[in-house]
Amino acid sequence: MGYSRRSSCSRVAEQLRLGLKSKSDKHLFSHHADMISVPHHIQEIDSRVEQLRTECIQVLRVRYVLGLDGYCGARRAGMERRVFEFWLQKAELGLV
């Protein structure tokens, strides 16, 4: 009835981003992101990251979420390159 709340492009983008597959029985099930259960191995990594220092979390986000390293990563994090690499190494070792 009327227009959809979300565009089809938005739904497809969410499916690609989250790895969901929508079925034709969408009126029976909700495929929204809030209905996804987090896999055990991802939950374990999340809990380990939460225990790290804020500097470690910051450099991990810059390096692995934004995909920046070296000079660009250090500038984005607001640190010198050597300090950035120190915290990145400390963070990576803390997750092992």
Protein backbone atom coordinates (compact mmCIF):
# COMPACT_ATOMS: atom_id res chain seq x y z
CA MET A 1 0.00 0.00 0.00
CA GLY A 2 1.68 3.14 -1.15
CA TYR A 3 5.42 3.50 -1.46
CA SER A 4 8.04 1.41 0.29
CA ARG A 5 9.85 2.97 3.24
CA ARG A 6 13.20 2.10 1.66
CA SER A 7 14.40 2.08 -1.91
CA SER A 8 15.35 -1.16 -3.60
CA CYS A 9 18.93 0.11 -3.96
CA SER A 10 19.11 0.67 -0.21
CA ARG A 11 17.87 -2.87 0.46
CA VAL A 12 20.35 -4.40 -2.01
CA ALA A 13 23.21 -2.35 -0.52
CA GLU A 14 22.32 -3.59 2.98
CA GLN A 15 22.20 -7.18 1.75
CA LEU A 16 25.62 -6.86 0.13
CA ARG A 17 27.12 -5.11 3.14
CA LEU A 18 25.79 -7.61 5.66
CA GLY A 19 25.81 -10.75 3.54
CA LEU A 20 22.06 -11.28 3.75
CA LYS A 21 19.96 -13.02 1.15
CA SER A 22 16.38 -11.92 0.84
CA LYS A 23 13.68 -14.41 -0.15
CA SER A 24 10.28 -13.96 -1.70
CA ASP A 25 8.66 -14.75 1.66
CA LYS A 26 9.65 -11.34 3.01
CA HIS A 27 6.18 -10.83 4.39
CA LEU A 28 6.80 -13.73 6.82
CA PHE A 29 10.27 -12.85 8.07
CA SER A 30 12.19 -9.71 8.85
CA HIS A 31 15.52 -9.39 7.04
CA HIS A 32 16.57 -6.19 8.76
CA ALA A 33 19.97 -5.78 10.38
CA ASP A 34 18.49 -5.90 13.90
CA MET A 35 17.37 -9.49 13.32
CA ILE A 36 20.92 -10.78 12.67
CA SER A 37 22.69 -12.76 15.35
CA VAL A 38 26.42 -12.09 15.70
CA PRO A 39 28.60 -15.16 15.05
CA HIS A 40 30.60 -16.40 18.04
CA HIS A 41 34.03 -15.67 16.53
CA ILE A 42 33.03 -12.07 15.72
CA GLN A 43 31.65 -11.57 19.23
CA GLU A 44 34.94 -12.85 20.66
CA ILE A 45 36.96 -10.38 18.58
CA ASP A 46 34.62 -7.54 19.61
CA SER A 47 35.06 -8.34 23.29
CA ARG A 48 38.87 -8.43 22.88
CA VAL A 49 38.86 -5.07 21.08
CA GLU A 50 36.73 -3.52 23.84
CA GLN A 51 39.41 -4.45 26.39
CA LEU A 52 42.14 -2.54 24.52
CA ARG A 53 43.22 1.01 25.27
CA THR A 54 41.52 3.80 23.34
CA GLU A 55 44.70 4.54 21.36
CA CYS A 56 44.77 0.93 20.20
CA ILE A 57 41.13 1.00 19.16
CA GLN A 58 41.67 4.27 17.32
CA VAL A 59 44.60 2.98 15.25
CA LEU A 60 42.81 -0.31 14.52
CA ARG A 61 39.85 1.63 13.09
CA VAL A 62 42.11 3.82 10.99
CA ARG A 63 44.14 0.87 9.70
CA TYR A 64 41.47 -1.77 9.11
CA VAL A 65 38.18 0.11 8.75
CA LEU A 66 39.46 3.10 6.79
CA GLY A 67 42.27 1.10 5.17
CA LEU A 68 44.97 3.66 5.86
CA ASP A 69 48.49 2.91 7.00
CA GLY A 70 51.84 4.61 7.20
CA TYR A 71 51.88 8.37 6.93
CA CYS A 72 48.21 8.71 5.87
CA GLY A 73 47.03 6.53 8.74
CA ALA A 74 49.12 8.43 11.24
CA ARG A 75 47.77 11.78 10.03
CA ARG A 76 44.19 10.53 10.20
CA ALA A 77 44.77 9.30 13.76
CA GLY A 78 46.44 12.59 14.68
CA MET A 79 49.74 10.93 15.61
CA GLU A 80 53.29 10.77 14.38
CA ARG A 81 54.03 7.78 12.18
CA ARG A 82 56.24 6.01 14.76
CA VAL A 83 53.63 6.51 17.49
CA PHE A 84 50.91 5.22 15.15
CA GLU A 85 52.95 2.10 14.34
CA PHE A 86 53.69 1.54 18.05
CA TRP A 87 50.00 1.58 19.00
CA LEU A 88 49.08 -0.54 15.98
CA GLN A 89 51.61 -3.18 16.93
CA LYS A 90 50.46 -3.09 20.56
CA ALA A 91 46.83 -3.48 19.44
CA GLU A 92 47.55 -6.36 17.09
CA LEU A 93 49.55 -8.20 19.74
CA GLY A 94 46.75 -7.62 22.23
CA LEU A 95 44.30 -9.39 19.93
CA VAL A 96 46.44 -12.50 19.45
